[in-house]
C-alpha atoms as a PDB file:
ATOM      1  CA  UNK A   1      31.182   3.066 -33.883  1.00  0.00           C
ATOM      2  CA  UNK A   2      28.284   5.287 -32.840  1.00  0.00           C
ATOM      3  CA  UNK A   3      25.422   6.253 -35.136  1.00  0.00           C
ATOM      4  CA  UNK A   4      26.524   9.888 -34.925  1.00  0.00           C
ATOM      5  CA  UNK A   5      30.037   8.969 -36.034  1.00  0.00           C
ATOM      6  CA  UNK A   6      28.728   6.908 -38.964  1.00  0.00           C
ATOM      7  CA  UNK A   7      26.404   9.728 -40.019  1.00  0.00           C
ATOM      8  CA  UNK A   8      29.202  12.300 -39.921  1.00  0.00           C
ATOM      9  CA  UNK A   9      31.565   9.948 -41.767  1.00  0.00           C
ATOM     10  CA  UNK A  10      28.961   9.306 -44.486  1.00  0.00           C
ATOM     11  CA  UNK A  11      28.323  13.042 -44.836  1.00  0.00           C
ATOM     12  CA  UNK A  12      32.028  13.768 -45.237  1.00  0.00           C
ATOM     13  CA  UNK A  13      32.434  10.970 -47.771  1.00  0.00           C
ATOM     14  CA  UNK A  14      29.487  12.349 -49.755  1.00  0.00           C
ATOM     15  CA  UNK A  15      30.914  15.875 -49.593  1.00  0.00           C
ATOM     16  CA  UNK A  16      34.288  14.674 -50.875  1.00  0.00           C
ATOM     17  CA  UNK A  17      32.645  12.678 -53.654  1.00  0.00           C
ATOM     18  CA  UNK A  18      30.601  15.722 -54.691  1.00  0.00           C
ATOM     19  CA  UNK A  19      33.709  17.942 -54.610  1.00  0.00           C
ATOM     20  CA  UNK A  20      35.413  15.432 -56.912  1.00  0.00           C
ATOM     21  CA  UNK A  21      32.548  15.622 -59.410  1.00  0.00           C
ATOM     22  CA  UNK A  22      30.516  12.546 -58.493  1.00  0.00           C
ATOM     23  CA  UNK A  23      26.732  12.703 -58.811  1.00  0.00           C
ATOM     24  CA  UNK A  24      25.600  11.679 -55.330  1.00  0.00           C
ATOM     25  CA  UNK A  25      21.945  12.695 -55.470  1.00  0.00           C
ATOM     26  CA  UNK A  26      22.290  15.427 -52.885  1.00  0.00           C
ATOM     27  CA  UNK A  27      20.558  18.777 -53.093  1.00  0.00           C
ATOM     28  CA  UNK A  28      22.975  21.610 -53.594  1.00  0.00           C
ATOM     29  CA  UNK A  29      21.884  25.157 -52.835  1.00  0.00           C
ATOM     30  CA  UNK A  30      23.926  27.950 -54.343  1.00  0.00           C
ATOM     31  CA  UNK A  31      23.030  31.466 -53.353  1.00  0.00           C
ATOM     32  CA  UNK A  32      24.587  34.417 -55.102  1.00  0.00           C
ATOM     33  CA  UNK A  33      24.755  37.601 -53.079  1.00  0.00           C
ATOM     34  CA  UNK A  34      24.529  40.692 -55.296  1.00  0.00           C
ATOM     35  CA  UNK A  35      27.606  42.795 -56.020  1.00  0.00           C
ATOM     36  CA  UNK A  36      27.533  45.317 -53.169  1.00  0.00           C
ATOM     37  CA  UNK A  37      28.078  49.063 -53.446  1.00  0.00           C
ATOM     38  CA  UNK A  38      30.267  49.130 -50.356  1.00  0.00           C
ATOM     39  CA  UNK A  39      30.659  52.924 -50.163  1.00  0.00           C
ATOM     40  CA  UNK A  40      26.879  53.428 -50.321  1.00  0.00           C
ATOM     41  CA  UNK A  41      26.281  50.731 -47.697  1.00  0.00           C
ATOM     42  CA  UNK A  42      28.834  52.322 -45.370  1.00  0.00           C
ATOM     43  CA  UNK A  43      27.308  55.772 -45.948  1.00  0.00           C
ATOM     44  CA  UNK A  44      23.835  54.442 -45.099  1.00  0.00           C
ATOM     45  CA  UNK A  45      25.256  53.176 -41.817  1.00  0.00           C
ATOM     46  CA  UNK A  46      26.635  56.670 -41.139  1.00  0.00           C
ATOM     47  CA  UNK A  47      30.120  55.423 -40.268  1.00  0.00           C
ATOM     48  CA  UNK A  48      33.627  56.467 -41.240  1.00  0.00           C
ATOM     49  CA  UNK A  49      35.779  53.956 -43.084  1.00  0.00           C
ATOM     50  CA  UNK A  50      37.680  53.158 -39.896  1.00  0.00           C
ATOM     51  CA  UNK A  51      34.536  52.659 -37.805  1.00  0.00           C
ATOM     52  CA  UNK A  52      32.760  50.608 -40.474  1.00  0.00           C
ATOM     53  CA  UNK A  53      35.803  48.398 -41.054  1.00  0.00           C
ATOM     54  CA  UNK A  54      36.138  47.818 -37.310  1.00  0.00           C
ATOM     55  CA  UNK A  55      32.439  47.000 -36.946  1.00  0.00           C
ATOM     56  CA  UNK A  56      32.538  44.283 -39.628  1.00  0.00           C
ATOM     57  CA  UNK A  57      35.967  42.939 -38.672  1.00  0.00           C
ATOM     58  CA  UNK A  58      38.052  43.854 -41.712  1.00  0.00           C
ATOM     59  CA  UNK A  59      41.141  45.996 -42.178  1.00  0.00           C
ATOM     60  CA  UNK A  60      40.607  49.582 -43.325  1.00  0.00           C
ATOM     61  CA  UNK A  61      42.788  48.841 -46.356  1.00  0.00           C
ATOM     62  CA  UNK A  62      40.490  45.986 -47.320  1.00  0.00           C
ATOM     63  CA  UNK A  63      37.446  48.246 -47.038  1.00  0.00           C
ATOM     64  CA  UNK A  64      39.139  50.932 -49.138  1.00  0.00           C
ATOM     65  CA  UNK A  65      39.994  48.342 -51.778  1.00  0.00           C
ATOM     66  CA  UNK A  66      36.336  47.285 -51.927  1.00  0.00           C
ATOM     67  CA  UNK A  67      35.124  50.869 -52.172  1.00  0.00           C
ATOM     68  CA  UNK A  68      37.622  51.725 -54.910  1.00  0.00           C
ATOM     69  CA  UNK A  69      36.900  48.558 -56.893  1.00  0.00           C
ATOM     70  CA  UNK A  70      40.431  47.179 -56.585  1.00  0.00           C
ATOM     71  CA  UNK A  71      39.144  44.186 -54.628  1.00  0.00           C
ATOM     72  CA  UNK A  72      35.801  42.448 -54.242  1.00  0.00           C
ATOM     73  CA  UNK A  73      34.330  41.117 -51.016  1.00  0.00           C
ATOM     74  CA  UNK A  74      34.074  37.319 -50.943  1.00  0.00           C
ATOM     75  CA  UNK A  75      31.118  35.143 -49.934  1.00  0.00           C
ATOM     76  CA  UNK A  76      30.680  35.765 -46.195  1.00  0.00           C
ATOM     77  CA  UNK A  77      31.567  39.453 -46.514  1.00  0.00           C
ATOM     78  CA  UNK A  78      29.088  39.864 -49.379  1.00  0.00           C
ATOM     79  CA  UNK A  79      26.326  38.299 -47.301  1.00  0.00           C
ATOM     80  CA  UNK A  80      27.160  40.543 -44.332  1.00  0.00           C
ATOM     81  CA  UNK A  81      27.162  43.617 -46.583  1.00  0.00           C
ATOM     82  CA  UNK A  82      23.791  42.586 -48.042  1.00  0.00           C
ATOM     83  CA  UNK A  83      22.391  42.338 -44.502  1.00  0.00           C
ATOM     84  CA  UNK A  84      23.793  45.749 -43.584  1.00  0.00           C
ATOM     85  CA  UNK A  85      22.315  47.210 -46.774  1.00  0.00           C
ATOM     86  CA  UNK A  86      18.849  46.034 -45.663  1.00  0.00           C
ATOM     87  CA  UNK A  87      19.327  46.925 -41.987  1.00  0.00           C
ATOM     88  CA  UNK A  88      22.201  49.406 -41.504  1.00  0.00           C
ATOM     89  CA  UNK A  89      22.256  48.964 -37.708  1.00  0.00           C
ATOM     90  CA  UNK A  90      22.242  45.159 -37.708  1.00  0.00           C
ATOM     91  CA  UNK A  91      25.903  44.800 -36.688  1.00  0.00           C
ATOM     92  CA  UNK A  92      25.545  47.208 -33.765  1.00  0.00           C
ATOM     93  CA  UNK A  93      22.307  45.466 -32.714  1.00  0.00           C
ATOM     94  CA  UNK A  94      23.978  42.067 -32.779  1.00  0.00           C
ATOM     95  CA  UNK A  95      27.084  43.196 -30.915  1.00  0.00           C
ATOM     96  CA  UNK A  96      25.047  45.050 -28.289  1.00  0.00           C
ATOM     97  CA  UNK A  97      23.114  41.890 -27.423  1.00  0.00           C
ATOM     98  CA  UNK A  98      26.393  39.986 -26.943  1.00  0.00           C
ATOM     99  CA  UNK A  99      27.676  42.314 -24.261  1.00  0.00           C
END
């Protein structure tokens, strides 16, 4: 087997051991994104619910649920919302460079 294969296999074995509660000596970084005020973030971007939902790739119903407090954005969505809060045009900037 190649060195790359062995390295990947070892990494997966370590990840499984960690997930099962074993102390494997690895560094674990946990980052907590703050609870976002989704309505305020959307307002700072100057977008309607439909446009904002489309720009971040979620259903309008999901966005409404976040804004009304019926649902909470999960990890990746929270990070994206934190980025948009700091730089409201970041999604448009990123998508424009991909075209």
